[in-house]
């Protein structure tokens, strides 16, 4: 990063090294307090981070991370993420799209090719677009392009959710290309749509992002529990246990481990050890939890389970879903 880049982002060397040092300290402290030796050495693939560059004209003016992050920085680049991630035991990451512009796929791929800590791209393509199939055919030939993320492949009317037939046809092409589909953000309608899509395209690997962040009201709880069970009954639906730390409706971030453990446990037991993944959601998590805190929570949650189960959660399941490529010797 040039000196002018540092001035534009507000990220100077002192800030950056201080953050990295804090991450090392926190990771070490968390490991000493909570994690057994059987879990600590397991390498981690972060299945969910965001990259962007607010200094670029047009394309850079969209998503800039959490409000706290955007207030201080206007870039999220692999060079900024890597030292914080490595300090926490993360050896690889997958970028998930944070823009609707199809041209952003080229920027994601460019950034990832230059940074071997990045093992995959979950890009942006519109299944409603007439040229969707052409773009799938083009991008799936790049070994770093592993998935796309979409929001609306369904319609909702008075609580009745229906898939959009044309988009289902498009997403069948995604399955044929052996690419995965991320969906966000969690809602009752989206969960219903995921079940319908999983049944319509059983060969499509569908990922529900950020499900621990969904806070059902007491009135919604029965419907939520039922939908979790319905999604869990679909073997091609996977869940990222991301955003366990998150602001609730009242703005409070719950940090009580017992509360977080119970929420994670509910989803872990529903989907099983083969269909859950770790992700930090960096830098959207900035101001809520550090990367080291996210890792410490994950390791603590997995500490009572077998090493095989911990490996699945921390990296193997992401390899199964995204079929990412190993680019560094330390990557599993």
Protein backbone atom coordinates (compact mmCIF):
# COMPACT_ATOMS: atom_id res chain seq x y z
CA UNK A 1 0.00 0.00 0.00
CA UNK A 2 1.46 3.38 -1.00
CA UNK A 3 1.72 6.34 1.39
CA UNK A 4 -1.06 8.09 -0.52
CA UNK A 5 -3.24 5.00 -0.13
CA UNK A 6 -2.65 5.08 3.62
CA UNK A 7 -3.71 8.70 3.79
CA UNK A 8 -6.88 7.97 1.78
CA UNK A 9 -7.91 5.04 3.95
CA UNK A 10 -6.84 6.50 7.26
CA UNK A 11 -4.94 3.26 7.91
CA UNK A 12 -1.38 4.03 8.95
CA UNK A 13 1.34 1.57 9.89
CA UNK A 14 0.91 2.22 13.61
CA UNK A 15 -2.85 1.46 13.48
CA UNK A 16 -2.30 -1.64 11.42
CA UNK A 17 0.47 -3.13 13.55
CA UNK A 18 -1.36 -2.26 16.74
CA UNK A 19 -4.42 -4.16 15.48
CA UNK A 20 -2.31 -7.15 14.48
CA UNK A 21 -0.53 -7.20 17.84
CA UNK A 22 -3.85 -7.02 19.66
CA UNK A 23 -5.13 -9.92 17.62
CA UNK A 24 -2.07 -12.00 18.55
CA UNK A 25 -2.51 -11.20 22.23
CA UNK A 26 -6.23 -11.95 22.21
CA UNK A 27 -5.77 -15.19 20.32
CA UNK A 28 -3.08 -16.33 22.72
CA UNK A 29 -5.19 -15.44 25.74
CA UNK A 30 -8.27 -17.14 24.32
CA UNK A 31 -6.29 -20.29 23.54
CA UNK A 32 -4.79 -20.43 27.02
CA UNK A 33 -8.17 -20.09 28.70
CA UNK A 34 -10.51 -22.13 26.62
CA UNK A 35 -9.00 -24.33 23.93
CA UNK A 36 -7.47 -27.77 24.36
CA UNK A 37 -4.32 -28.69 22.48
CA UNK A 38 -6.29 -31.08 20.27
CA UNK A 39 -8.19 -28.18 18.70
CA UNK A 40 -5.66 -25.34 18.68
CA UNK A 41 -3.32 -26.64 15.93
CA UNK A 42 -6.13 -27.15 13.41
CA UNK A 43 -5.70 -24.72 10.49
CA UNK A 44 -8.75 -22.60 9.69
CA UNK A 45 -10.32 -21.58 6.41
CA UNK A 46 -12.46 -18.48 6.85
CA UNK A 47 -15.48 -19.14 4.65
CA UNK A 48 -16.84 -15.59 4.71
CA UNK A 49 -15.02 -12.28 4.34
CA UNK A 50 -15.67 -9.17 2.24
CA UNK A 51 -13.31 -7.18 0.05
CA UNK A 52 -13.90 -3.72 -1.38
CA UNK A 53 -12.10 -0.53 -2.33
CA UNK A 54 -13.97 2.71 -1.79
CA UNK A 55 -11.28 4.71 -3.60
CA UNK A 56 -12.26 3.28 -6.98
CA UNK A 57 -14.66 5.34 -9.12
CA UNK A 58 -18.19 3.97 -9.59
CA UNK A 59 -17.68 0.40 -8.41
CA UNK A 60 -16.01 1.38 -5.17
CA UNK A 61 -18.91 3.48 -3.90
CA UNK A 62 -21.10 0.66 -2.64
CA UNK A 63 -20.68 -1.56 0.40
CA UNK A 64 -17.91 -0.45 2.78
CA UNK A 65 -18.32 -2.88 5.67
CA UNK A 66 -19.89 -2.18 9.02
CA UNK A 67 -20.70 1.39 10.01
CA UNK A 68 -17.79 1.36 12.45
CA UNK A 69 -15.40 0.12 9.77
CA UNK A 70 -16.61 2.57 7.12
CA UNK A 71 -16.15 5.45 9.53
CA UNK A 72 -12.44 4.69 9.77
CA UNK A 73 -11.43 2.85 6.59
CA UNK A 74 -12.67 2.74 3.03
CA UNK A 75 -10.84 -0.35 1.88
CA UNK A 76 -10.81 -4.02 2.77
CA UNK A 77 -7.99 -5.75 0.95
CA UNK A 78 -6.25 -9.12 1.39
CA UNK A 79 -3.10 -7.30 2.52
CA UNK A 80 -5.08 -5.74 5.40
CA UNK A 81 -6.89 -8.95 6.35
CA UNK A 82 -3.99 -11.41 6.13
CA UNK A 83 -1.88 -10.40 9.19
CA UNK A 84 -4.95 -10.30 11.44
CA UNK A 85 -6.14 -13.66 10.13
CA UNK A 86 -2.79 -15.42 10.42
CA UNK A 87 -2.40 -14.20 14.00
CA UNK A 88 -5.67 -15.99 14.82
CA UNK A 89 -4.72 -19.25 13.08
CA UNK A 90 -6.54 -18.64 9.79
CA UNK A 91 -4.59 -19.86 6.76
CA UNK A 92 -7.06 -19.20 3.96
CA UNK A 93 -10.25 -17.30 3.16
CA UNK A 94 -13.14 -17.05 0.71
CA UNK A 95 -14.39 -13.65 -0.36
CA UNK A 96 -18.15 -13.30 -0.62
CA UNK A 97 -19.54 -10.66 -2.94
CA UNK A 98 -20.63 -7.34 -1.50
CA UNK A 99 -21.68 -5.70 -4.78
CA UNK A 100 -24.32 -6.31 -7.43
CA UNK A 101 -22.02 -5.22 -10.27
CA UNK A 102 -21.03 -8.16 -12.45
CA UNK A 103 -17.71 -6.46 -13.25
CA UNK A 104 -16.77 -6.73 -9.58
CA UNK A 105 -16.10 -10.43 -10.18
CA UNK A 106 -13.03 -9.42 -12.17
CA UNK A 107 -11.77 -7.26 -9.28
CA UNK A 108 -12.37 -10.05 -6.73
CA UNK A 109 -10.49 -12.52 -8.90
CA UNK A 110 -7.65 -10.05 -9.48
CA UNK A 111 -7.27 -9.42 -5.75
CA UNK A 112 -7.39 -13.11 -4.91
CA UNK A 113 -4.94 -14.19 -7.60
CA UNK A 114 -2.39 -11.76 -6.16
CA UNK A 115 -2.91 -13.02 -2.58
CA UNK A 116 -2.54 -16.79 -2.04
CA UNK A 117 -4.22 -16.60 1.38
CA UNK A 118 -7.41 -16.20 -0.69
CA UNK A 119 -8.62 -19.63 -1.79
CA UNK A 120 -11.91 -18.79 -3.46
CA UNK A 121 -14.44 -16.25 -4.71
CA UNK A 122 -18.17 -16.32 -4.10
CA UNK A 123 -19.08 -13.82 -6.77
CA UNK A 124 -22.08 -11.91 -8.06
CA UNK A 125 -24.27 -12.99 -10.98
CA UNK A 126 -27.96 -12.27 -11.48
CA UNK A 127 -30.03 -15.42 -12.16
CA UNK A 128 -32.77 -13.17 -13.55
CA UNK A 129 -30.47 -11.83 -16.28
CA UNK A 130 -30.72 -13.22 -19.79
CA UNK A 131 -26.94 -13.63 -20.00
CA UNK A 132 -26.63 -15.54 -16.69
CA UNK A 133 -25.70 -18.81 -18.40
CA UNK A 134 -23.01 -17.15 -20.47
CA UNK A 135 -21.41 -15.65 -17.36
CA UNK A 136 -21.57 -18.97 -15.51
CA UNK A 137 -19.84 -20.65 -18.42
CA UNK A 138 -17.17 -17.95 -18.44
CA UNK A 139 -16.41 -17.66 -14.74
CA UNK A 140 -16.60 -21.29 -13.73
CA UNK A 141 -13.49 -21.94 -15.82
CA UNK A 142 -11.50 -19.88 -13.32
CA UNK A 143 -10.40 -22.22 -10.49
CA UNK A 144 -10.81 -19.40 -7.93
CA UNK A 145 -14.46 -18.76 -8.83
CA UNK A 146 -16.37 -21.16 -6.59
CA UNK A 147 -19.90 -19.80 -6.02
CA UNK A 148 -22.27 -16.88 -6.34
CA UNK A 149 -24.40 -15.10 -3.74
CA UNK A 150 -27.98 -14.03 -4.37
CA UNK A 151 -30.84 -12.56 -2.35
CA UNK A 152 -34.02 -12.83 -4.43
CA UNK A 153 -34.75 -15.95 -6.43
CA UNK A 154 -38.27 -16.12 -5.02
CA UNK A 155 -41.45 -14.10 -4.57
CA UNK A 156 -43.39 -13.61 -1.36
CA UNK A 157 -47.03 -12.61 -1.12
CA UNK A 158 -48.77 -12.55 2.25
CA UNK A 159 -46.47 -15.19 3.69
CA UNK A 160 -46.70 -17.46 0.64
CA UNK A 161 -43.28 -18.02 -0.89
CA UNK A 162 -42.84 -19.11 -4.51
CA UNK A 163 -39.72 -19.70 -6.55
CA UNK A 164 -39.33 -17.69 -9.75
CA UNK A 165 -39.30 -20.36 -12.51
CA UNK A 166 -36.85 -18.55 -14.77
CA UNK A 167 -34.36 -18.16 -11.95
CA UNK A 168 -34.70 -21.80 -10.98
CA UNK A 169 -33.77 -22.70 -14.56
CA UNK A 170 -30.74 -20.42 -14.29
CA UNK A 171 -29.64 -21.87 -10.97
CA UNK A 172 -29.78 -25.36 -12.47
CA UNK A 173 -26.96 -24.15 -14.73
CA UNK A 174 -25.03 -23.19 -11.61
CA UNK A 175 -25.43 -26.72 -10.26
CA UNK A 176 -24.35 -28.20 -13.59
CA UNK A 177 -21.20 -26.06 -13.42
CA UNK A 178 -20.51 -27.53 -9.93
CA UNK A 179 -20.69 -24.11 -8.29
CA UNK A 180 -22.34 -23.36 -4.95
CA UNK A 181 -24.97 -20.77 -4.02
CA UNK A 182 -24.78 -18.50 -0.97
CA UNK A 183 -28.02 -16.91 0.25
CA UNK A 184 -28.46 -14.00 2.66
CA UNK A 185 -29.56 -12.40 4.83
CA UNK A 186 -31.63 -14.78 6.96
CA UNK A 187 -35.38 -14.24 7.05
CA UNK A 188 -38.39 -16.52 7.35
CA UNK A 189 -39.16 -16.03 3.65
CA UNK A 190 -35.59 -16.79 2.58
CA UNK A 191 -35.47 -19.92 4.71
CA UNK A 192 -38.70 -21.13 3.10
CA UNK A 193 -37.29 -20.33 -0.34
CA UNK A 194 -34.10 -22.26 0.42
CA UNK A 195 -36.14 -25.36 1.22
CA UNK A 196 -38.10 -25.03 -2.01
CA UNK A 197 -34.93 -24.48 -4.03
CA UNK A 198 -33.13 -27.41 -2.38
CA UNK A 199 -36.02 -29.66 -3.33
CA UNK A 200 -36.20 -28.27 -6.87
CA UNK A 201 -32.42 -28.61 -7.50
CA UNK A 202 -31.08 -31.37 -5.23
CA UNK A 203 -27.68 -31.16 -6.94
CA UNK A 204 -27.17 -27.52 -5.95
CA UNK A 205 -25.10 -26.85 -2.82
CA UNK A 206 -26.97 -24.06 -1.01
CA UNK A 207 -25.38 -22.09 1.82
CA UNK A 208 -27.46 -20.17 4.36
CA UNK A 209 -25.27 -17.30 5.57
CA UNK A 210 -25.37 -15.78 9.07
CA UNK A 211 -28.15 -17.92 10.51
CA UNK A 212 -27.00 -17.35 14.14
CA UNK A 213 -27.77 -13.65 13.59
CA UNK A 214 -31.47 -14.30 13.13
CA UNK A 215 -33.32 -13.31 16.29
CA UNK A 216 -36.86 -14.69 16.12
CA UNK A 217 -39.48 -12.99 18.24
CA UNK A 218 -41.38 -15.22 20.68
CA UNK A 219 -44.26 -15.22 18.19
CA UNK A 220 -41.94 -16.22 15.31
CA UNK A 221 -40.03 -18.85 17.27
CA UNK A 222 -42.24 -21.86 16.37
CA UNK A 223 -42.06 -20.99 12.65
CA UNK A 224 -38.29 -20.48 12.90
CA UNK A 225 -37.73 -23.81 14.66
CA UNK A 226 -39.88 -25.57 12.06
CA UNK A 227 -37.99 -23.95 9.18
CA UNK A 228 -34.62 -24.89 10.65
CA UNK A 229 -35.79 -28.49 10.80
CA UNK A 230 -37.08 -28.32 7.23
CA UNK A 231 -33.78 -26.90 5.98
CA UNK A 232 -31.85 -29.50 7.96
CA UNK A 233 -33.90 -32.22 6.24
CA UNK A 234 -32.44 -31.09 2.90
CA UNK A 235 -28.97 -32.66 2.58
CA UNK A 236 -27.83 -29.98 0.10
CA UNK A 237 -28.36 -27.03 2.49
CA UNK A 238 -25.33 -25.92 4.51
CA UNK A 239 -25.06 -23.24 7.19
CA UNK A 240 -22.38 -20.72 8.10
CA UNK A 241 -22.30 -20.21 11.85
CA UNK A 242 -21.35 -16.57 11.27
CA UNK A 243 -22.49 -13.45 13.13
CA UNK A 244 -23.04 -15.22 16.45
CA UNK A 245 -21.78 -11.93 17.86
CA UNK A 246 -24.20 -9.32 16.49
CA UNK A 247 -26.23 -6.31 17.63
CA UNK A 248 -29.75 -7.36 18.61
CA UNK A 249 -32.85 -5.24 17.99
CA UNK A 250 -32.10 -3.23 21.13
CA UNK A 251 -28.52 -2.63 19.99
CA UNK A 252 -27.02 -4.92 22.62
CA UNK A 253 -24.27 -7.36 21.58
CA UNK A 254 -24.61 -10.51 23.65
CA UNK A 255 -21.21 -11.80 24.72
CA UNK A 256 -22.32 -14.32 27.32
CA UNK A 257 -20.82 -17.62 26.21
CA UNK A 258 -23.68 -19.75 27.55
CA UNK A 259 -26.18 -17.83 25.40
CA UNK A 260 -23.99 -18.02 22.29
CA UNK A 261 -23.22 -21.69 22.89
CA UNK A 262 -26.91 -22.58 23.12
CA UNK A 263 -27.72 -20.75 19.90
CA UNK A 264 -24.82 -22.39 18.04
CA UNK A 265 -25.64 -25.77 19.56
CA UNK A 266 -29.23 -25.63 18.29
CA UNK A 267 -28.03 -25.12 14.72
CA UNK A 268 -25.09 -27.51 15.02
CA UNK A 269 -27.32 -30.32 16.23
CA UNK A 270 -29.95 -29.60 13.58
CA UNK A 271 -27.56 -29.66 10.61
CA UNK A 272 -24.89 -31.98 11.96
CA UNK A 273 -21.12 -31.83 11.86
CA UNK A 274 -20.94 -32.27 8.08
CA UNK A 275 -22.93 -29.16 7.12
CA UNK A 276 -21.69 -26.27 9.26
CA UNK A 277 -18.83 -23.87 8.51
CA UNK A 278 -16.75 -21.23 10.27
CA UNK A 279 -16.62 -17.68 8.96
CA UNK A 280 -15.56 -14.36 10.49
CA UNK A 281 -17.67 -12.02 8.29
CA UNK A 282 -14.72 -9.59 8.34
CA UNK A 283 -14.87 -6.59 8.13
CA UNK A 284 -18.63 -6.46 8.65
CA UNK A 285 -17.81 -7.80 12.12
CA UNK A 286 -15.57 -4.79 12.82
CA UNK A 287 -16.76 -3.01 15.96
CA UNK A 288 -18.67 -6.13 17.05
CA UNK A 289 -15.95 -8.76 17.39
CA UNK A 290 -12.35 -9.09 16.27
CA UNK A 291 -11.19 -11.94 14.08
CA UNK A 292 -9.40 -13.46 17.09
CA UNK A 293 -12.61 -13.27 19.15
CA UNK A 294 -14.56 -15.00 16.37
CA UNK A 295 -11.91 -17.74 16.20
CA UNK A 296 -11.76 -18.08 19.99
CA UNK A 297 -15.54 -18.55 20.14
CA UNK A 298 -15.39 -21.19 17.41
CA UNK A 299 -12.55 -23.10 19.05
CA UNK A 300 -14.22 -22.95 22.45
CA UNK A 301 -17.50 -24.21 20.98
CA UNK A 302 -15.71 -27.12 19.28
CA UNK A 303 -13.44 -27.90 22.25
CA UNK A 304 -15.70 -30.64 23.65
CA UNK A 305 -16.03 -32.40 20.30
CA UNK A 306 -13.71 -34.75 18.46
CA UNK A 307 -10.80 -33.45 16.44
CA UNK A 308 -12.45 -34.87 13.31
CA UNK A 309 -15.59 -32.82 13.99
CA UNK A 310 -13.53 -29.69 14.66
CA UNK A 311 -11.65 -30.12 11.39
CA UNK A 312 -14.93 -30.37 9.51
CA UNK A 313 -16.20 -27.14 11.00
CA UNK A 314 -12.95 -25.20 10.70
CA UNK A 315 -12.02 -26.17 7.13
CA UNK A 316 -13.17 -29.48 5.68
CA UNK A 317 -16.82 -28.59 5.16
CA UNK A 318 -15.89 -25.40 3.31
CA UNK A 319 -13.70 -27.52 1.03
CA UNK A 320 -16.64 -29.86 0.43
CA UNK A 321 -19.03 -27.00 -0.38
CA UNK A 322 -16.79 -24.63 -2.34
CA UNK A 323 -14.15 -27.07 -3.60
CA UNK A 324 -11.56 -24.34 -3.08
CA UNK A 325 -7.98 -24.75 -4.15
CA UNK A 326 -4.95 -25.07 -1.87
CA UNK A 327 -2.48 -22.28 -2.62
CA UNK A 328 -0.07 -22.25 0.35
CA UNK A 329 1.83 -25.07 2.08
CA UNK A 330 0.13 -24.36 5.42
CA UNK A 331 -3.32 -24.65 3.92
CA UNK A 332 -4.89 -28.08 4.53
